[in-house]
Amino acid sequence: MLDSISDYCYPECLFTSPKFYQLNADKCDKIHIIKTQDLAIVIGLVDNKAYAPFSAPFTFLTSRKVNLKYSSYEAFFNQVKKDKELYGYTSLKITLPPDFYFSDMHAKIRCCLAASGFNPLYRDINSHFNLSDFEIESLSNTAKKTIRASGKHNHEIFCAKNDDEKKLVYDIIRRNRLSKGYPLRMTWEQVKKTVDNVARANFFYVKTNEKYSASAIIFDITDDISQVVYWGAVDEGETCKVMYFLPFELVKIYKSRGKKILDIGPCSEGGIVSQGLNDFKQMIGCINSVKETWEI
């Protein structure tokens, strides 16, 4: 079935690739493709409710060519409504990426969603670094003071080279999530399966005073954008303020690789904002943007 959208390949994005959908097909009861001559979207059905995405932070329409007219998007969402009625979905929920992904398409899609009877279900705050103009000197005095305090410790960052080191990276994140009561939705086996089969990824870990202190797992989402899928520090690392070292090292690394944006991910879930998390990301220089979920 997914072969039928192989030529709907613009824009290129990890989360909308046929291989990614196929890898995660077991996360829903059934996969269904809604498409017109120009545009397509893949949805997952669970208990007769339709979700796009069904196993990713967001999804997007894919097209057969660039620079489509508004009428192509209008025709597509008319088809969405027809398919919903034809197949009897009780609801269809679509989560879009933050608008620094594919902004031209993004604007047309949002207008068509509203015109087609979709309603905004909730809005989440997403954070990112703009790598082209980020400067530590522009941060607040409080942030720079904390960075100086972090610099009193001997932090070193490493890129994992084998599966054992990558598992170590995951385990540091797992410990961080457990200590804070945060969910960890991907098992190590799922992470490994994803990076072995579909995702270009890097695993980083930090040693502080010769002890493992923090780590990050980062996927390349597009040619220009990489995303921090997970990051975090263990208690010893937080004591040494390692999270005022790790983000800036990642900024240097990904800027040197020619990336334009490092997506740090959401500060909220289901529209409920974690103020502490948002304050931290703002303090280290992240830019806020909106990630919308719509439903019909």
Protein backbone atom coordinates (compact mmCIF):
# COMPACT_ATOMS: atom_id res chain seq x y z
CA MET A 1 0.00 0.00 0.00
CA LEU A 2 2.72 2.49 0.94
CA ASP A 3 4.35 2.01 -2.45
CA SER A 4 1.44 4.01 -3.87
CA ILE A 5 2.81 7.22 -2.32
CA SER A 6 6.45 6.71 -3.30
CA ASP A 7 6.20 9.57 -5.82
CA TYR A 8 4.62 11.90 -3.25
CA CYS A 9 8.09 12.78 -2.05
CA TYR A 10 8.08 16.53 -1.39
CA PRO A 11 9.02 17.78 1.12
CA GLU A 12 11.48 15.17 2.30
CA CYS A 13 10.97 14.42 5.99
CA LEU A 14 11.82 11.43 8.16
CA PHE A 15 8.35 11.21 9.70
CA THR A 16 6.54 11.13 6.34
CA SER A 17 8.76 8.62 4.56
CA PRO A 18 7.16 5.31 3.49
CA LYS A 19 9.89 3.41 5.37
CA PHE A 20 9.06 5.23 8.61
CA TYR A 21 5.35 4.48 8.22
CA GLN A 22 6.06 0.84 7.48
CA LEU A 23 8.35 0.49 10.48
CA ASN A 24 5.61 1.80 12.78
CA ALA A 25 2.64 0.10 11.16
CA ASP A 26 2.08 -2.05 14.24
CA LYS A 27 1.24 1.07 16.29
CA CYS A 28 -2.27 1.19 14.80
CA ASP A 29 -5.01 -1.23 13.74
CA LYS A 30 -4.77 -0.27 10.08
CA ILE A 31 -3.02 2.22 7.81
CA HIS A 32 -5.08 4.24 5.34
CA ILE A 33 -3.84 6.66 2.68
CA ILE A 34 -5.85 9.70 1.65
CA LYS A 35 -4.64 11.18 -1.61
CA THR A 36 -5.50 13.26 -4.63
CA GLN A 37 -3.56 13.77 -7.82
CA ASP A 38 -1.23 16.22 -6.06
CA LEU A 39 -1.22 15.50 -2.30
CA ALA A 40 -1.30 12.62 0.16
CA ILE A 41 -1.39 11.91 3.88
CA VAL A 42 -1.00 8.63 5.76
CA ILE A 43 -3.29 8.03 8.73
CA GLY A 44 -3.48 5.28 11.31
CA LEU A 45 -6.78 3.85 12.53
CA VAL A 46 -7.26 2.89 16.17
CA ASP A 47 -10.76 1.87 17.29
CA ASN A 48 -12.14 3.56 14.16
CA LYS A 49 -10.52 6.86 15.08
CA ALA A 50 -8.02 8.27 12.59
CA TYR A 51 -4.68 9.74 13.65
CA ALA A 52 -2.01 11.57 11.68
CA PRO A 53 0.58 10.92 12.93
CA PHE A 54 0.05 7.57 14.59
CA SER A 55 3.65 7.22 15.79
CA ALA A 56 5.62 10.47 15.47
CA PRO A 57 5.72 13.96 16.99
CA PHE A 58 3.94 15.38 13.93
CA THR A 59 2.98 14.66 10.35
CA PHE A 60 2.62 16.60 7.12
CA LEU A 61 1.13 16.35 3.67
CA THR A 62 3.41 15.13 0.93
CA SER A 63 3.12 16.24 -2.67
CA ARG A 64 4.23 15.16 -6.11
CA LYS A 65 5.69 18.55 -6.98
CA VAL A 66 6.70 21.83 -5.39
CA ASN A 67 4.81 25.13 -5.35
CA LEU A 68 1.28 23.80 -5.53
CA LYS A 69 -1.56 26.28 -5.82
CA TYR A 70 -4.03 26.80 -2.99
CA SER A 71 -6.70 25.02 -5.05
CA SER A 72 -4.71 21.76 -4.79
CA TYR A 73 -4.86 21.92 -0.99
CA GLU A 74 -8.54 22.80 -1.10
CA ALA A 75 -9.26 19.79 -3.30
CA PHE A 76 -7.25 17.56 -0.99
CA PHE A 77 -9.19 18.51 2.14
CA ASN A 78 -12.46 18.01 0.27
CA GLN A 79 -11.22 14.47 -0.36
CA VAL A 80 -10.34 14.10 3.33
CA LYS A 81 -13.94 14.86 4.28
CA LYS A 82 -15.24 12.41 1.67
CA ASP A 83 -12.96 9.63 2.92
CA LYS A 84 -13.96 10.28 6.52
CA GLU A 85 -17.61 9.83 5.61
CA LEU A 86 -17.00 6.91 3.25
CA TYR A 87 -14.95 4.89 5.72
CA GLY A 88 -16.88 5.99 8.80
CA TYR A 89 -14.07 7.36 10.95
CA THR A 90 -15.57 8.76 14.14
CA SER A 91 -12.86 11.43 14.20
CA LEU A 92 -9.66 12.49 12.46
CA LYS A 93 -6.87 14.19 14.39
CA ILE A 94 -3.92 15.86 12.64
CA THR A 95 -0.84 17.25 14.42
CA LEU A 96 1.22 19.63 12.28
CA PRO A 97 4.90 20.44 12.80
CA PRO A 98 6.02 23.81 14.12
CA ASP A 99 5.85 26.35 11.34
CA PHE A 100 9.62 26.56 10.77
CA TYR A 101 9.12 23.29 8.90
CA PHE A 102 7.91 23.94 5.33
CA SER A 103 6.36 27.35 6.12
CA ASP A 104 4.85 27.97 2.66
CA MET A 105 2.88 24.72 2.68
CA HIS A 106 2.11 25.18 6.36
CA ALA A 107 0.15 28.40 5.82
CA LYS A 108 -2.04 26.90 3.10
CA ILE A 109 -2.72 23.75 5.10
CA ARG A 110 -3.84 25.67 8.19
CA CYS A 111 -6.23 27.82 6.17
CA CYS A 112 -7.69 24.74 4.49
CA LEU A 113 -8.09 22.90 7.79
CA ALA A 114 -10.21 25.75 9.14
CA ALA A 115 -12.22 26.11 5.93
CA SER A 116 -12.87 22.35 5.84
CA GLY A 117 -14.48 22.22 9.27
CA PHE A 118 -11.49 21.12 11.34
CA ASN A 119 -11.24 22.70 14.78
CA PRO A 120 -8.05 23.52 16.70
CA LEU A 121 -7.95 20.91 19.46
CA TYR A 122 -4.92 22.33 21.28
CA ARG A 123 -1.69 24.21 20.70
CA ASP A 124 1.68 23.19 22.10
CA ILE A 125 4.78 25.31 22.58
CA ASN A 126 7.81 23.99 20.70
CA SER A 127 11.40 25.20 21.12
CA HIS A 128 14.30 25.37 18.69
CA PHE A 129 17.70 26.92 18.12
CA ASN A 130 18.19 29.00 14.99
CA LEU A 131 21.76 27.91 14.30
CA SER A 132 22.56 30.71 11.87
CA ASP A 133 22.32 33.50 14.43
CA PHE A 134 22.64 31.91 17.87
CA GLU A 135 25.18 33.61 20.13
CA ILE A 136 25.80 32.81 23.80
CA GLU A 137 26.66 36.48 24.33
CA SER A 138 23.01 37.36 23.68
CA LEU A 139 21.75 35.30 26.63
CA SER A 140 20.61 36.85 29.91
CA ASN A 141 23.09 37.60 32.67
CA THR A 142 21.47 34.88 34.78
CA ALA A 143 22.04 32.31 32.03
CA LYS A 144 25.66 33.37 31.52
CA LYS A 145 26.28 33.17 35.27
CA THR A 146 24.97 29.60 35.29
CA ILE A 147 27.08 28.73 32.26
CA ARG A 148 30.17 30.02 34.08
CA ALA A 149 29.25 27.87 37.10
CA SER A 150 28.93 24.87 34.80
CA GLY A 151 32.33 25.68 33.31
CA LYS A 152 34.02 25.11 36.67
CA HIS A 153 33.52 21.40 36.10
CA ASN A 154 35.38 19.23 33.61
CA HIS A 155 32.70 18.41 31.00
CA GLU A 156 33.57 16.42 27.87
CA ILE A 157 31.17 15.45 25.08
CA PHE A 158 31.49 12.27 23.02
CA CYS A 159 29.63 10.84 20.03
CA ALA A 160 28.71 7.18 20.57
CA LYS A 161 30.51 4.90 18.14
CA ASN A 162 28.90 1.51 18.72
CA ASP A 163 25.72 -0.10 20.03
CA ASP A 164 27.07 -0.44 23.56
CA GLU A 165 27.76 3.29 23.77
CA LYS A 166 24.39 4.09 22.18
CA LYS A 167 22.67 1.92 24.78
CA LEU A 168 24.59 3.86 27.45
CA VAL A 169 23.19 7.10 26.00
CA TYR A 170 19.66 5.68 26.18
CA ASP A 171 20.16 4.44 29.75
CA ILE A 172 21.24 7.90 30.94
CA ILE A 173 18.04 9.34 29.46
CA ARG A 174 15.98 6.53 31.01
CA ARG A 175 17.43 7.33 34.44
CA ASN A 176 16.63 11.02 33.93
CA ARG A 177 13.02 10.28 32.99
CA LEU A 178 12.50 7.91 35.89
CA SER A 179 13.86 10.41 38.41
CA LYS A 180 11.53 13.15 37.16
CA GLY A 181 8.48 11.00 36.52
CA TYR A 182 8.49 11.85 32.80
CA PRO A 183 7.31 9.30 30.21
CA LEU A 184 9.80 7.51 27.97
CA ARG A 185 7.68 6.35 25.06
CA MET A 186 10.33 4.50 23.06
CA THR A 187 12.06 1.41 24.38
CA TRP A 188 15.72 0.86 23.59
CA GLU A 189 14.69 -1.83 21.10
CA GLN A 190 12.39 0.63 19.30
CA VAL A 191 15.08 3.31 19.20
CA LYS A 192 17.62 0.85 17.81
CA LYS A 193 15.17 -0.49 15.24
CA THR A 194 14.42 3.04 14.06
CA VAL A 195 18.05 4.12 13.67
CA ASP A 196 19.08 0.80 12.14
CA ASN A 197 16.36 0.97 9.48
CA VAL A 198 15.15 4.49 8.70
CA ALA A 199 16.66 7.34 10.71
CA ARG A 200 19.98 9.12 10.39
CA ALA A 201 20.82 9.67 14.04
CA ASN A 202 23.59 10.55 16.45
CA PHE A 203 23.96 9.60 20.11
CA PHE A 204 25.96 11.88 22.40
CA TYR A 205 27.06 11.47 25.99
CA VAL A 206 28.84 13.77 28.42
CA LYS A 207 31.35 12.90 31.10
CA THR A 208 31.65 15.35 33.98
CA ASN A 209 34.68 14.99 36.19
CA GLU A 210 35.16 11.59 34.48
CA LYS A 211 31.65 10.35 35.34
CA TYR A 212 28.73 9.89 32.92
CA SER A 213 26.45 12.88 33.44
CA ALA A 214 24.14 13.57 30.47
CA SER A 215 23.22 12.41 26.98
CA ALA A 216 21.17 13.19 23.88
CA ILE A 217 19.65 11.28 20.97
CA ILE A 218 19.23 13.38 17.83
CA PHE A 219 17.50 12.45 14.55
CA ASP A 220 17.99 14.22 11.22
CA ILE A 221 14.42 15.15 10.22
CA THR A 222 15.13 17.04 6.99
CA ASP A 223 18.31 18.14 5.24
CA ASP A 224 18.25 21.40 7.21
CA ILE A 225 16.68 20.39 10.53
CA SER A 226 17.74 17.93 13.23
CA GLN A 227 15.62 17.15 16.28
CA VAL A 228 16.55 16.31 19.85
CA VAL A 229 14.36 13.26 20.35
CA TYR A 230 15.57 12.78 23.92
CA TRP A 231 18.09 14.46 26.20
CA GLY A 232 18.69 14.69 29.92
CA ALA A 233 21.08 14.48 32.83
CA VAL A 234 21.47 12.18 35.81
CA ASP A 235 21.44 13.68 39.31
CA GLU A 236 25.22 14.07 39.45
CA GLY A 237 25.18 15.93 36.14
CA GLU A 238 22.45 18.28 37.26
CA THR A 239 24.44 19.13 40.38
CA CYS A 240 27.29 20.18 38.07
CA LYS A 241 24.89 22.06 35.76
CA VAL A 242 25.77 19.88 32.78
CA MET A 243 22.58 20.99 30.98
CA TYR A 244 24.23 24.40 30.67
CA PHE A 245 27.03 22.69 28.73
CA LEU A 246 25.37 20.01 26.57
CA PRO A 247 22.95 22.24 24.56
CA PHE A 248 25.68 24.63 23.47
CA GLU A 249 27.98 21.81 22.39
CA LEU A 250 25.14 20.38 20.29
CA VAL A 251 24.60 23.81 18.73
CA LYS A 252 28.29 23.95 17.75
CA ILE A 253 28.24 20.42 16.32
CA TYR A 254 25.11 20.83 14.22
CA LYS A 255 26.05 24.30 13.02
CA SER A 256 29.38 22.88 11.84
CA ARG A 257 27.45 20.20 9.93
CA GLY A 258 25.52 22.82 7.98
CA LYS A 259 22.18 22.41 9.73
CA LYS A 260 19.99 25.50 9.99
CA ILE A 261 17.78 24.53 12.93
CA LEU A 262 18.10 22.27 15.95
CA ASP A 263 14.57 21.38 17.04
CA ILE A 264 14.50 20.87 20.82
CA GLY A 265 10.89 19.69 20.91
CA PRO A 266 7.81 20.63 22.92
CA CYS A 267 7.47 22.24 26.34
CA SER A 268 3.87 21.09 26.62
CA GLU A 269 1.63 18.13 25.97
CA GLY A 270 -2.02 18.25 25.01
CA GLY A 271 -1.84 22.03 25.31
CA ILE A 272 -0.70 21.93 28.95
CA VAL A 273 2.56 23.86 29.31
CA SER A 274 5.40 22.79 31.59
CA GLN A 275 6.43 26.24 32.73
CA GLY A 276 9.70 25.08 34.26
CA LEU A 277 10.75 23.32 31.05
CA ASN A 278 9.76 26.29 28.93
CA ASP A 279 11.65 28.67 31.22
CA PHE A 280 14.79 26.52 30.96
CA LYS A 281 14.67 26.35 27.17
CA GLN A 282 14.06 30.08 26.93
CA MET A 283 16.97 30.71 29.30
CA ILE A 284 19.41 28.80 27.08
CA GLY A 285 18.35 30.77 24.01
CA CYS A 286 15.65 28.68 22.37
CA ILE A 287 12.97 30.29 20.22
CA ASN A 288 9.33 29.40 20.89
CA SER A 289 6.91 28.40 18.15
CA VAL A 290 3.47 26.81 18.02
CA LYS A 291 2.67 23.19 17.14
CA GLU A 292 -1.04 22.73 16.41
CA THR A 293 -3.35 19.73 16.61
CA TRP A 294 -6.62 19.88 14.65
CA GLU A 295 -9.62 17.57 14.72
CA ILE A 296 -12.80 16.92 12.76
